[in-house]
């Protein structure tokens, strides 16, 4: 029964996300006026992200796409999903900390981790009081402006790079990012105002 509920949840989330994409509610690129900002750090060689959330918002899922064009690609192509998870099971994960490729903080692994390239797009799904919202961030995995920490560092003490993909940003604690960022739902409202 529990498995059937999880499968139904994944199907429903997929349908909602598909409808959201069809309605143009996905977040624009950094070139446009509003984009989602997340904190980035590398802990023990793994990309760690922090998604600033407000009261009533909780992380629901995440997925990673490999945006490196395949050899010989000279036209449109679809970036494959290389890791996908839903249902955060750990408090730190629910509060917005995501270790890319670490399945331990999640109820269900939809796509087990496949080798990561240097060019990734990470998308987060956040549940608010009245909507399921998705937003993305794209960075080169080897960005030299990401703070680096050894393995086993307490993730709640990590400081994250918080800024644009060109290195124009600051290194901030979780508390500082919470203060500097808008609520996740803010970005959805701005997109709706533009459309």
N, C-alpha and C. Protein backbone atom coordinates (compact mmCIF):
# COMPACT_ATOMS: atom_id res chain seq x y z
N UNK A 1 0.83 -1.20 0.00
CA UNK A 1 0.00 0.00 0.00
C UNK A 1 0.87 1.26 0.00
N UNK A 2 1.92 1.25 0.88
CA UNK A 2 2.80 2.41 0.95
C UNK A 2 3.49 2.66 -0.39
N UNK A 3 3.89 1.58 -1.06
CA UNK A 3 4.55 1.69 -2.37
C UNK A 3 3.58 2.29 -3.40
N UNK A 4 2.34 1.85 -3.37
CA UNK A 4 1.34 2.37 -4.31
C UNK A 4 1.11 3.86 -4.09
N UNK A 5 1.10 4.29 -2.84
CA UNK A 5 0.93 5.72 -2.53
C UNK A 5 2.11 6.51 -3.07
N UNK A 6 3.33 5.98 -2.90
CA UNK A 6 4.52 6.66 -3.42
C UNK A 6 4.48 6.76 -4.94
N UNK A 7 4.10 5.66 -5.60
CA UNK A 7 4.02 5.67 -7.07
C UNK A 7 2.97 6.67 -7.52
N UNK A 8 1.82 6.68 -6.86
CA UNK A 8 0.77 7.64 -7.19
C UNK A 8 1.26 9.07 -6.98
N UNK A 9 2.01 9.30 -5.92
CA UNK A 9 2.57 10.63 -5.65
C UNK A 9 3.52 11.07 -6.76
N UNK A 10 4.39 10.16 -7.20
CA UNK A 10 5.33 10.47 -8.28
C UNK A 10 4.57 10.77 -9.57
N UNK A 11 3.53 9.98 -9.86
CA UNK A 11 2.73 10.21 -11.06
C UNK A 11 2.03 11.56 -10.98
N UNK A 12 1.44 11.86 -9.83
CA UNK A 12 0.75 13.14 -9.67
C UNK A 12 1.71 14.32 -9.79
N UNK A 13 2.88 14.21 -9.16
CA UNK A 13 3.88 15.27 -9.25
C UNK A 13 4.30 15.45 -10.71
N UNK A 14 4.51 14.34 -11.41
CA UNK A 14 4.90 14.42 -12.82
C UNK A 14 3.83 15.10 -13.66
N UNK A 15 2.57 14.78 -13.41
CA UNK A 15 1.47 15.42 -14.15
C UNK A 15 1.42 16.90 -13.85
N UNK A 16 1.53 17.25 -12.55
CA UNK A 16 1.51 18.67 -12.16
C UNK A 16 2.67 19.42 -12.81
N UNK A 17 3.86 18.82 -12.77
CA UNK A 17 5.01 19.48 -13.37
C UNK A 17 4.87 19.60 -14.88
N UNK A 18 4.30 18.57 -15.51
CA UNK A 18 4.07 18.65 -16.96
C UNK A 18 3.10 19.75 -17.31
N UNK A 19 2.02 19.86 -16.54
CA UNK A 19 1.05 20.94 -16.78
C UNK A 19 1.67 22.30 -16.50
N UNK A 20 2.49 22.36 -15.45
CA UNK A 20 3.16 23.62 -15.13
C UNK A 20 4.07 24.04 -16.27
N UNK A 21 4.81 23.10 -16.83
CA UNK A 21 5.71 23.42 -17.94
C UNK A 21 4.92 23.89 -19.14
N UNK A 22 3.80 23.24 -19.40
CA UNK A 22 2.98 23.61 -20.55
C UNK A 22 2.41 25.02 -20.39
N UNK A 23 2.19 25.43 -19.15
CA UNK A 23 1.64 26.76 -18.90
C UNK A 23 2.72 27.83 -18.77
N UNK A 24 3.96 27.45 -18.92
CA UNK A 24 5.04 28.44 -18.88
C UNK A 24 5.37 28.94 -17.49
N UNK A 25 5.20 28.10 -16.47
CA UNK A 25 5.46 28.56 -15.11
C UNK A 25 6.85 28.18 -14.63
N UNK A 26 7.65 27.55 -15.49
CA UNK A 26 9.02 27.26 -15.10
C UNK A 26 9.80 28.55 -15.03
N UNK A 27 10.89 28.54 -14.35
CA UNK A 27 11.63 29.75 -14.08
C UNK A 27 12.54 30.11 -15.24
N UNK A 28 12.70 31.38 -15.54
CA UNK A 28 13.52 31.79 -16.67
C UNK A 28 15.01 31.64 -16.37
N UNK A 29 15.80 31.84 -17.40
CA UNK A 29 17.25 31.78 -17.24
C UNK A 29 17.74 33.04 -16.53
N UNK A 30 19.04 33.05 -16.19
CA UNK A 30 19.61 34.23 -15.52
C UNK A 30 19.57 35.46 -16.41
N UNK A 31 19.43 35.29 -17.72
CA UNK A 31 19.39 36.43 -18.62
C UNK A 31 18.09 37.21 -18.47
N UNK A 32 17.07 36.58 -17.91
CA UNK A 32 15.79 37.24 -17.75
C UNK A 32 15.70 37.84 -16.35
N UNK A 33 14.62 38.55 -16.10
CA UNK A 33 14.53 39.37 -14.91
C UNK A 33 14.52 38.60 -13.59
N UNK A 34 13.92 37.41 -13.56
CA UNK A 34 13.79 36.69 -12.30
C UNK A 34 14.25 35.26 -12.46
N UNK A 35 15.07 34.81 -11.55
CA UNK A 35 15.55 33.44 -11.56
C UNK A 35 15.69 33.01 -10.12
N UNK A 36 15.75 31.72 -9.91
CA UNK A 36 15.86 31.22 -8.57
C UNK A 36 17.31 31.23 -8.12
N UNK A 37 17.56 31.72 -6.94
CA UNK A 37 18.92 31.74 -6.40
C UNK A 37 19.05 30.68 -5.32
N UNK A 38 20.09 29.86 -5.44
CA UNK A 38 20.39 28.84 -4.44
C UNK A 38 21.83 29.01 -4.01
N UNK A 39 22.16 28.53 -2.83
CA UNK A 39 23.54 28.53 -2.37
C UNK A 39 24.25 27.28 -2.88
N UNK A 40 25.53 27.42 -3.24
CA UNK A 40 26.32 26.31 -3.78
C UNK A 40 27.61 26.16 -2.99
N UNK A 41 27.97 24.92 -2.66
CA UNK A 41 29.24 24.60 -2.01
C UNK A 41 29.63 23.19 -2.43
N UNK A 42 30.87 22.83 -2.18
CA UNK A 42 31.34 21.48 -2.45
C UNK A 42 31.86 20.91 -1.14
N UNK A 43 31.26 19.78 -0.73
CA UNK A 43 31.64 19.14 0.52
C UNK A 43 32.10 17.72 0.20
N UNK A 44 33.37 17.44 0.47
CA UNK A 44 33.90 16.11 0.19
C UNK A 44 33.78 15.74 -1.28
N UNK A 45 33.92 16.73 -2.17
CA UNK A 45 33.84 16.48 -3.60
C UNK A 45 32.42 16.42 -4.15
N UNK A 46 31.40 16.59 -3.31
CA UNK A 46 30.01 16.55 -3.76
C UNK A 46 29.40 17.95 -3.75
N UNK A 47 28.61 18.25 -4.79
CA UNK A 47 27.91 19.53 -4.85
C UNK A 47 26.80 19.53 -3.81
N UNK A 48 26.76 20.59 -2.98
CA UNK A 48 25.72 20.77 -1.97
C UNK A 48 25.04 22.09 -2.27
N UNK A 49 23.70 22.07 -2.27
CA UNK A 49 22.92 23.27 -2.53
C UNK A 49 22.07 23.60 -1.32
N UNK A 50 21.83 24.89 -1.15
CA UNK A 50 20.88 25.32 -0.13
C UNK A 50 19.82 26.16 -0.81
N UNK A 51 18.57 25.79 -0.59
CA UNK A 51 17.42 26.47 -1.15
C UNK A 51 16.77 27.29 -0.03
N UNK A 52 16.88 28.63 -0.06
CA UNK A 52 16.24 29.44 0.98
C UNK A 52 14.71 29.27 0.93
N UNK A 53 14.13 28.91 2.05
CA UNK A 53 12.68 28.70 2.16
C UNK A 53 12.11 29.59 3.25
N UNK A 54 10.84 29.87 3.15
CA UNK A 54 10.15 30.66 4.17
C UNK A 54 9.14 29.78 4.90
N UNK A 55 8.51 30.32 5.93
CA UNK A 55 7.48 29.60 6.67
C UNK A 55 6.42 29.11 5.69
N UNK A 56 6.00 27.88 5.84
CA UNK A 56 4.98 27.32 4.97
C UNK A 56 5.52 26.70 3.69
N UNK A 57 6.84 26.77 3.46
CA UNK A 57 7.46 26.17 2.29
C UNK A 57 8.31 24.98 2.74
N UNK A 58 8.29 23.90 1.96
CA UNK A 58 9.16 22.76 2.26
C UNK A 58 9.61 22.12 0.96
N UNK A 59 10.83 21.64 0.97
CA UNK A 59 11.38 20.98 -0.20
C UNK A 59 10.63 19.68 -0.43
N UNK A 60 10.25 19.42 -1.68
CA UNK A 60 9.49 18.22 -2.03
C UNK A 60 10.31 17.24 -2.86
N UNK A 61 11.24 17.76 -3.68
CA UNK A 61 12.02 16.88 -4.54
C UNK A 61 13.09 17.66 -5.26
N UNK A 62 13.96 16.93 -5.96
CA UNK A 62 15.03 17.57 -6.72
C UNK A 62 15.43 16.65 -7.86
N UNK A 63 15.90 17.26 -8.95
CA UNK A 63 16.50 16.46 -10.01
C UNK A 63 17.61 17.24 -10.69
N UNK A 64 18.53 16.49 -11.27
CA UNK A 64 19.70 17.06 -11.91
C UNK A 64 19.72 16.61 -13.37
N UNK A 65 19.98 17.57 -14.26
CA UNK A 65 20.14 17.27 -15.69
C UNK A 65 21.57 17.54 -16.10
N UNK A 66 22.08 16.71 -17.00
CA UNK A 66 23.40 16.91 -17.59
C UNK A 66 23.21 17.78 -18.83
N UNK A 67 23.67 19.03 -18.76
CA UNK A 67 23.44 19.96 -19.87
C UNK A 67 24.61 20.03 -20.84
N UNK A 68 25.54 19.07 -20.75
CA UNK A 68 26.63 19.00 -21.71
C UNK A 68 26.09 18.45 -23.02
N UNK A 69 26.21 19.19 -24.14
CA UNK A 69 25.70 18.66 -25.41
C UNK A 69 26.41 17.36 -25.78
N UNK A 70 25.68 16.40 -26.31
CA UNK A 70 26.32 15.15 -26.72
C UNK A 70 27.26 15.40 -27.90
N UNK A 71 28.27 14.56 -28.06
CA UNK A 71 29.19 14.74 -29.19
C UNK A 71 28.43 14.78 -30.51
N UNK A 72 28.78 15.75 -31.33
CA UNK A 72 28.15 15.89 -32.64
C UNK A 72 26.78 16.54 -32.65
N UNK A 73 26.31 16.99 -31.49
CA UNK A 73 24.98 17.63 -31.43
C UNK A 73 25.06 19.00 -32.09
N UNK A 74 24.30 19.17 -33.16
CA UNK A 74 24.28 20.47 -33.82
C UNK A 74 22.87 21.03 -33.89
N UNK A 75 21.95 20.38 -33.27
CA UNK A 75 20.56 20.84 -33.24
C UNK A 75 19.99 20.64 -31.85
N UNK A 76 18.69 20.76 -31.73
CA UNK A 76 18.06 20.59 -30.42
C UNK A 76 18.28 19.18 -29.87
N UNK A 77 18.42 19.11 -28.58
CA UNK A 77 18.55 17.83 -27.90
C UNK A 77 17.98 17.98 -26.50
N UNK A 78 17.67 16.88 -25.87
CA UNK A 78 17.09 16.92 -24.53
C UNK A 78 18.15 16.51 -23.52
N UNK A 79 18.35 17.35 -22.53
CA UNK A 79 19.32 17.05 -21.48
C UNK A 79 18.78 15.91 -20.61
N UNK A 80 19.56 14.85 -20.43
CA UNK A 80 19.07 13.72 -19.64
C UNK A 80 19.10 14.01 -18.13
N UNK A 81 18.15 13.43 -17.42
CA UNK A 81 18.14 13.50 -15.97
C UNK A 81 19.13 12.47 -15.45
N UNK A 82 20.06 12.93 -14.60
CA UNK A 82 21.10 12.03 -14.09
C UNK A 82 20.94 11.73 -12.59
N UNK A 83 19.97 12.35 -11.94
CA UNK A 83 19.64 12.04 -10.54
C UNK A 83 18.31 12.69 -10.22
N UNK A 84 17.41 11.94 -9.59
CA UNK A 84 16.10 12.47 -9.26
C UNK A 84 15.59 11.81 -7.98
N UNK A 85 15.09 12.65 -7.06
CA UNK A 85 14.61 12.16 -5.76
C UNK A 85 13.34 12.91 -5.36
N UNK A 86 12.51 12.26 -4.56
CA UNK A 86 11.30 12.90 -4.03
C UNK A 86 11.11 12.49 -2.57
N UNK A 87 10.35 13.29 -1.84
CA UNK A 87 10.00 12.97 -0.46
C UNK A 87 11.15 13.04 0.51
N UNK A 88 11.57 14.26 0.89
CA UNK A 88 12.67 14.35 1.84
C UNK A 88 12.32 13.68 3.16
N UNK A 89 13.25 12.87 3.66
CA UNK A 89 13.01 12.14 4.90
C UNK A 89 13.81 12.71 6.07
N UNK A 90 14.77 13.56 5.80
CA UNK A 90 15.60 14.15 6.86
C UNK A 90 15.23 15.62 7.05
N UNK A 91 15.27 16.09 8.28
CA UNK A 91 14.90 17.48 8.58
C UNK A 91 15.77 18.48 7.82
N UNK A 92 17.08 18.23 7.75
CA UNK A 92 17.97 19.13 7.04
C UNK A 92 17.60 19.22 5.56
N UNK A 93 17.22 18.10 4.96
CA UNK A 93 16.79 18.09 3.56
C UNK A 93 15.49 18.85 3.40
N UNK A 94 14.51 18.59 4.27
CA UNK A 94 13.23 19.30 4.20
C UNK A 94 13.43 20.81 4.32
N UNK A 95 14.45 21.23 5.07
CA UNK A 95 14.69 22.65 5.27
C UNK A 95 15.45 23.30 4.12
N UNK A 96 15.86 22.50 3.11
CA UNK A 96 16.45 23.09 1.91
C UNK A 96 17.87 22.71 1.57
N UNK A 97 18.52 21.83 2.35
CA UNK A 97 19.89 21.42 2.03
C UNK A 97 19.85 20.14 1.19
N UNK A 98 20.47 20.19 0.01
CA UNK A 98 20.48 19.05 -0.91
C UNK A 98 21.92 18.70 -1.25
N UNK A 99 22.31 17.46 -1.00
CA UNK A 99 23.61 16.95 -1.41
C UNK A 99 23.36 16.16 -2.69
N UNK A 100 23.83 16.68 -3.82
CA UNK A 100 23.56 16.05 -5.11
C UNK A 100 24.17 14.65 -5.13
N UNK A 101 23.33 13.66 -5.40
CA UNK A 101 23.76 12.28 -5.47
C UNK A 101 23.65 11.52 -4.16
N UNK A 102 23.29 12.19 -3.05
CA UNK A 102 23.14 11.51 -1.76
C UNK A 102 21.67 11.16 -1.57
N UNK A 103 21.37 9.88 -1.62
CA UNK A 103 19.99 9.41 -1.53
C UNK A 103 19.49 9.31 -0.09
N UNK A 104 20.37 9.43 0.90
CA UNK A 104 20.02 9.13 2.28
C UNK A 104 18.98 10.07 2.88
N UNK A 105 18.83 11.26 2.36
CA UNK A 105 17.86 12.21 2.93
C UNK A 105 16.50 12.17 2.24
N UNK A 106 16.24 11.13 1.43
CA UNK A 106 15.04 11.10 0.61
C UNK A 106 14.29 9.78 0.77
N UNK A 107 12.96 9.84 0.67
CA UNK A 107 12.13 8.64 0.74
C UNK A 107 12.26 7.79 -0.51
N UNK A 108 12.38 8.43 -1.66
CA UNK A 108 12.38 7.67 -2.91
C UNK A 108 13.40 8.23 -3.90
N UNK A 109 14.17 7.33 -4.48
CA UNK A 109 15.10 7.68 -5.55
C UNK A 109 14.42 7.30 -6.85
N UNK A 110 14.06 8.29 -7.66
CA UNK A 110 13.39 8.05 -8.93
C UNK A 110 14.43 7.66 -9.99
N UNK A 111 15.54 8.39 -10.02
CA UNK A 111 16.65 8.09 -10.93
C UNK A 111 17.93 8.02 -10.11
N UNK A 112 18.53 6.82 -9.97
CA UNK A 112 19.80 6.73 -9.25
C UNK A 112 20.86 7.57 -9.95
N UNK A 113 21.84 8.04 -9.17
CA UNK A 113 22.88 8.90 -9.71
C UNK A 113 23.64 8.23 -10.84
N UNK A 114 23.73 8.94 -11.95
CA UNK A 114 24.56 8.57 -13.09
C UNK A 114 25.73 9.54 -13.05
N UNK A 115 26.82 9.20 -13.64
CA UNK A 115 28.01 10.05 -13.61
C UNK A 115 27.67 11.50 -13.96
N UNK A 116 28.24 12.44 -13.18
CA UNK A 116 27.98 13.86 -13.41
C UNK A 116 29.03 14.44 -14.35
N UNK A 117 28.59 15.29 -15.25
CA UNK A 117 29.52 16.01 -16.11
C UNK A 117 29.83 17.34 -15.43
N UNK A 118 30.47 18.25 -16.13
CA UNK A 118 30.80 19.54 -15.55
C UNK A 118 29.67 20.55 -15.69
N UNK A 119 28.72 20.29 -16.56
CA UNK A 119 27.65 21.26 -16.83
C UNK A 119 26.32 20.67 -16.38
N UNK A 120 25.79 21.23 -15.30
CA UNK A 120 24.58 20.68 -14.70
C UNK A 120 23.50 21.74 -14.53
N UNK A 121 22.27 21.27 -14.58
CA UNK A 121 21.13 22.09 -14.19
C UNK A 121 20.46 21.34 -13.05
N UNK A 122 20.26 22.02 -11.93
CA UNK A 122 19.60 21.41 -10.78
C UNK A 122 18.25 22.08 -10.61
N UNK A 123 17.20 21.28 -10.49
CA UNK A 123 15.85 21.81 -10.27
C UNK A 123 15.33 21.30 -8.95
N UNK A 124 14.66 22.19 -8.24
CA UNK A 124 14.06 21.87 -6.95
C UNK A 124 12.55 22.03 -7.06
N UNK A 125 11.84 21.14 -6.36
CA UNK A 125 10.39 21.28 -6.25
C UNK A 125 10.09 21.63 -4.80
N UNK A 126 9.35 22.71 -4.62
CA UNK A 126 9.01 23.19 -3.28
C UNK A 126 7.51 23.25 -3.14
N UNK A 127 7.03 22.73 -2.01
CA UNK A 127 5.61 22.78 -1.71
C UNK A 127 5.35 24.00 -0.85
N UNK A 128 4.38 24.82 -1.29
CA UNK A 128 3.96 25.97 -0.49
C UNK A 128 2.56 25.69 0.01
N UNK A 129 1.95 26.65 0.68
CA UNK A 129 0.61 26.42 1.23
C UNK A 129 -0.43 26.19 0.14
N UNK A 130 -0.17 26.67 -1.09
CA UNK A 130 -1.19 26.51 -2.12
C UNK A 130 -0.66 26.07 -3.49
N UNK A 131 0.60 25.64 -3.57
CA UNK A 131 1.12 25.26 -4.89
C UNK A 131 2.36 24.40 -4.75
N UNK A 132 2.66 23.68 -5.83
CA UNK A 132 3.92 22.97 -5.96
C UNK A 132 4.70 23.74 -7.01
N UNK A 133 5.86 24.27 -6.63
CA UNK A 133 6.63 25.17 -7.49
C UNK A 133 7.95 24.51 -7.83
N UNK A 134 8.40 24.70 -9.06
CA UNK A 134 9.70 24.19 -9.47
C UNK A 134 10.55 25.33 -9.98
N UNK A 135 11.84 25.28 -9.64
CA UNK A 135 12.77 26.29 -10.12
C UNK A 135 14.13 25.65 -10.31
N UNK A 136 14.95 26.27 -11.14
CA UNK A 136 16.25 25.68 -11.45
C UNK A 136 17.40 26.64 -11.27
N UNK A 137 18.58 26.06 -11.22
CA UNK A 137 19.82 26.80 -11.17
C UNK A 137 20.84 26.02 -11.99
N UNK A 138 21.67 26.69 -12.75
CA UNK A 138 22.66 26.00 -13.59
C UNK A 138 24.04 26.62 -13.37
N UNK A 139 25.01 25.78 -13.10
CA UNK A 139 26.38 26.21 -12.84
C UNK A 139 27.33 25.15 -13.35
N UNK A 140 28.55 25.54 -13.71
CA UNK A 140 29.56 24.52 -13.97
C UNK A 140 29.94 23.86 -12.64
N UNK A 141 30.07 22.57 -12.64
CA UNK A 141 30.35 21.83 -11.41
C UNK A 141 31.69 22.22 -10.80
N UNK A 142 32.64 22.63 -11.63
CA UNK A 142 33.98 22.95 -11.12
C UNK A 142 34.21 24.44 -10.91
N UNK A 143 33.14 25.20 -10.69
CA UNK A 143 33.29 26.64 -10.48
C UNK A 143 34.25 26.89 -9.32
N UNK A 144 35.30 27.67 -9.56
CA UNK A 144 36.31 27.89 -8.53
C UNK A 144 35.85 28.83 -7.42
N UNK A 145 34.70 29.48 -7.59
CA UNK A 145 34.21 30.38 -6.55
C UNK A 145 33.30 29.68 -5.55
N UNK A 146 33.05 28.37 -5.72
CA UNK A 146 32.29 27.63 -4.71
C UNK A 146 33.21 27.34 -3.52
N UNK A 147 32.74 27.58 -2.29
CA UNK A 147 33.53 27.19 -1.13
C UNK A 147 33.68 25.66 -1.09
N UNK A 148 34.86 25.17 -0.70
CA UNK A 148 35.13 23.74 -0.61
C UNK A 148 35.38 23.35 0.84
N UNK A 149 34.81 22.21 1.24
CA UNK A 149 34.95 21.70 2.59
C UNK A 149 35.31 20.22 2.52
N UNK A 150 35.99 19.72 3.55
CA UNK A 150 36.31 18.28 3.56
C UNK A 150 35.05 17.45 3.82
N UNK A 151 35.13 16.17 3.47
CA UNK A 151 34.03 15.24 3.74
C UNK A 151 33.74 15.26 5.24
N UNK A 152 32.53 14.93 5.58
CA UNK A 152 32.06 14.85 6.98
C UNK A 152 31.93 16.21 7.66
N UNK A 153 32.00 17.29 6.90
CA UNK A 153 31.75 18.61 7.48
C UNK A 153 30.27 18.70 7.84
N UNK A 154 29.96 19.26 8.99
CA UNK A 154 28.57 19.46 9.41
C UNK A 154 27.91 20.41 8.42
N UNK A 155 26.92 19.91 7.70
CA UNK A 155 26.30 20.71 6.62
C UNK A 155 25.62 21.97 7.14
N UNK A 156 25.18 21.98 8.40
CA UNK A 156 24.54 23.18 8.93
C UNK A 156 25.55 24.31 9.16
N UNK A 157 26.85 23.98 9.15
CA UNK A 157 27.87 25.01 9.36
C UNK A 157 28.52 25.48 8.06
N UNK A 158 28.15 24.89 6.94
CA UNK A 158 28.74 25.23 5.64
C UNK A 158 28.29 26.61 5.20
N UNK A 159 29.20 27.37 4.61
CA UNK A 159 28.84 28.63 3.95
C UNK A 159 28.80 28.36 2.46
N UNK A 160 27.88 29.02 1.78
CA UNK A 160 27.59 28.73 0.38
C UNK A 160 27.85 29.96 -0.49
N UNK A 161 28.24 29.70 -1.73
CA UNK A 161 28.30 30.77 -2.73
C UNK A 161 26.87 31.10 -3.10
N UNK A 162 26.51 32.37 -3.08
CA UNK A 162 25.15 32.82 -3.35
C UNK A 162 25.24 33.98 -4.33
N UNK A 163 25.01 33.69 -5.61
CA UNK A 163 25.12 34.75 -6.61
C UNK A 163 24.92 34.21 -8.01
N UNK A 164 25.48 34.92 -8.98
CA UNK A 164 25.32 34.58 -10.39
C UNK A 164 26.37 33.55 -10.82
N UNK A 165 26.12 32.90 -11.95
CA UNK A 165 27.03 31.86 -12.43
C UNK A 165 28.35 32.41 -12.95
N UNK A 166 28.48 33.73 -13.04
CA UNK A 166 29.74 34.33 -13.49
C UNK A 166 30.67 34.66 -12.32
N UNK A 167 30.30 34.30 -11.12
CA UNK A 167 31.15 34.54 -9.96
C UNK A 167 30.82 35.82 -9.21
N UNK A 168 29.83 36.58 -9.69
CA UNK A 168 29.42 37.80 -8.99
C UNK A 168 28.43 37.45 -7.89
N UNK A 169 28.96 37.27 -6.70
CA UNK A 169 28.12 36.90 -5.57
C UNK A 169 28.92 36.92 -4.29
N UNK A 170 28.34 36.38 -3.25
CA UNK A 170 28.95 36.38 -1.92
C UNK A 170 28.95 34.98 -1.35
N UNK A 171 29.81 34.74 -0.38
CA UNK A 171 29.80 33.50 0.38
C UNK A 171 29.06 33.80 1.68
N UNK A 172 27.94 33.08 1.88
CA UNK A 172 27.05 33.38 3.00
C UNK A 172 26.70 32.13 3.79
N UNK A 173 26.36 32.32 5.05
CA UNK A 173 25.84 31.22 5.87
C UNK A 173 24.38 30.98 5.49
N UNK A 174 23.82 29.91 6.00
CA UNK A 174 22.40 29.62 5.76
C UNK A 174 21.54 30.77 6.29
N UNK A 175 21.83 31.26 7.49
CA UNK A 175 21.05 32.36 8.07
C UNK A 175 21.16 33.62 7.21
N UNK A 176 22.35 33.91 6.69
CA UNK A 176 22.52 35.10 5.85
C UNK A 176 21.77 34.95 4.52
N UNK A 177 21.75 33.74 3.95
CA UNK A 177 20.99 33.54 2.71
C UNK A 177 19.50 33.67 2.97
N UNK A 178 19.04 33.14 4.10
CA UNK A 178 17.61 33.27 4.43
C UNK A 178 17.21 34.74 4.51
N UNK A 179 18.10 35.55 5.06
CA UNK A 179 17.82 36.99 5.19
C UNK A 179 17.87 37.69 3.83
N UNK A 180 18.80 37.28 2.96
CA UNK A 180 19.01 37.96 1.68
C UNK A 180 18.03 37.52 0.60
N UNK A 181 17.48 36.33 0.71
CA UNK A 181 16.65 35.77 -0.37
C UNK A 181 15.18 36.05 -0.15
N UNK A 182 14.47 36.02 -1.24
CA UNK A 182 13.00 36.08 -1.18
C UNK A 182 12.49 34.67 -0.89
N UNK A 183 11.25 34.57 -0.45
CA UNK A 183 10.64 33.26 -0.30
C UNK A 183 10.59 32.58 -1.66
N UNK A 184 10.58 31.28 -1.67
CA UNK A 184 10.56 30.55 -2.93
C UNK A 184 9.34 30.95 -3.76
N UNK A 185 8.19 31.11 -3.12
CA UNK A 185 6.96 31.46 -3.83
C UNK A 185 7.05 32.82 -4.51
N UNK A 186 7.92 33.70 -4.03
CA UNK A 186 8.09 35.03 -4.62
C UNK A 186 8.40 34.93 -6.10
N UNK A 187 9.26 33.98 -6.46
CA UNK A 187 9.68 33.85 -7.85
C UNK A 187 8.50 33.45 -8.74
N UNK A 188 7.66 32.58 -8.25
CA UNK A 188 6.47 32.16 -9.02
C UNK A 188 5.56 33.36 -9.27
N UNK A 189 5.33 34.18 -8.25
CA UNK A 189 4.46 35.34 -8.42
C UNK A 189 5.05 36.32 -9.43
N UNK A 190 6.36 36.52 -9.42
CA UNK A 190 7.00 37.42 -10.38
C UNK A 190 6.84 36.89 -11.80
N UNK A 191 6.98 35.59 -11.98
CA UNK A 191 6.83 35.01 -13.31
C UNK A 191 5.39 35.19 -13.80
N UNK A 192 4.43 34.97 -12.91
CA UNK A 192 3.03 35.12 -13.30
C UNK A 192 2.74 36.57 -13.67
N UNK A 193 3.37 37.53 -12.98
CA UNK A 193 3.17 38.93 -13.31
C UNK A 193 3.72 39.26 -14.69
N UNK A 194 4.81 38.58 -15.10
CA UNK A 194 5.42 38.84 -16.42
C UNK A 194 4.58 38.28 -17.54
N UNK A 195 3.87 37.16 -17.30
CA UNK A 195 3.13 36.48 -18.38
C UNK A 195 1.78 37.11 -18.63
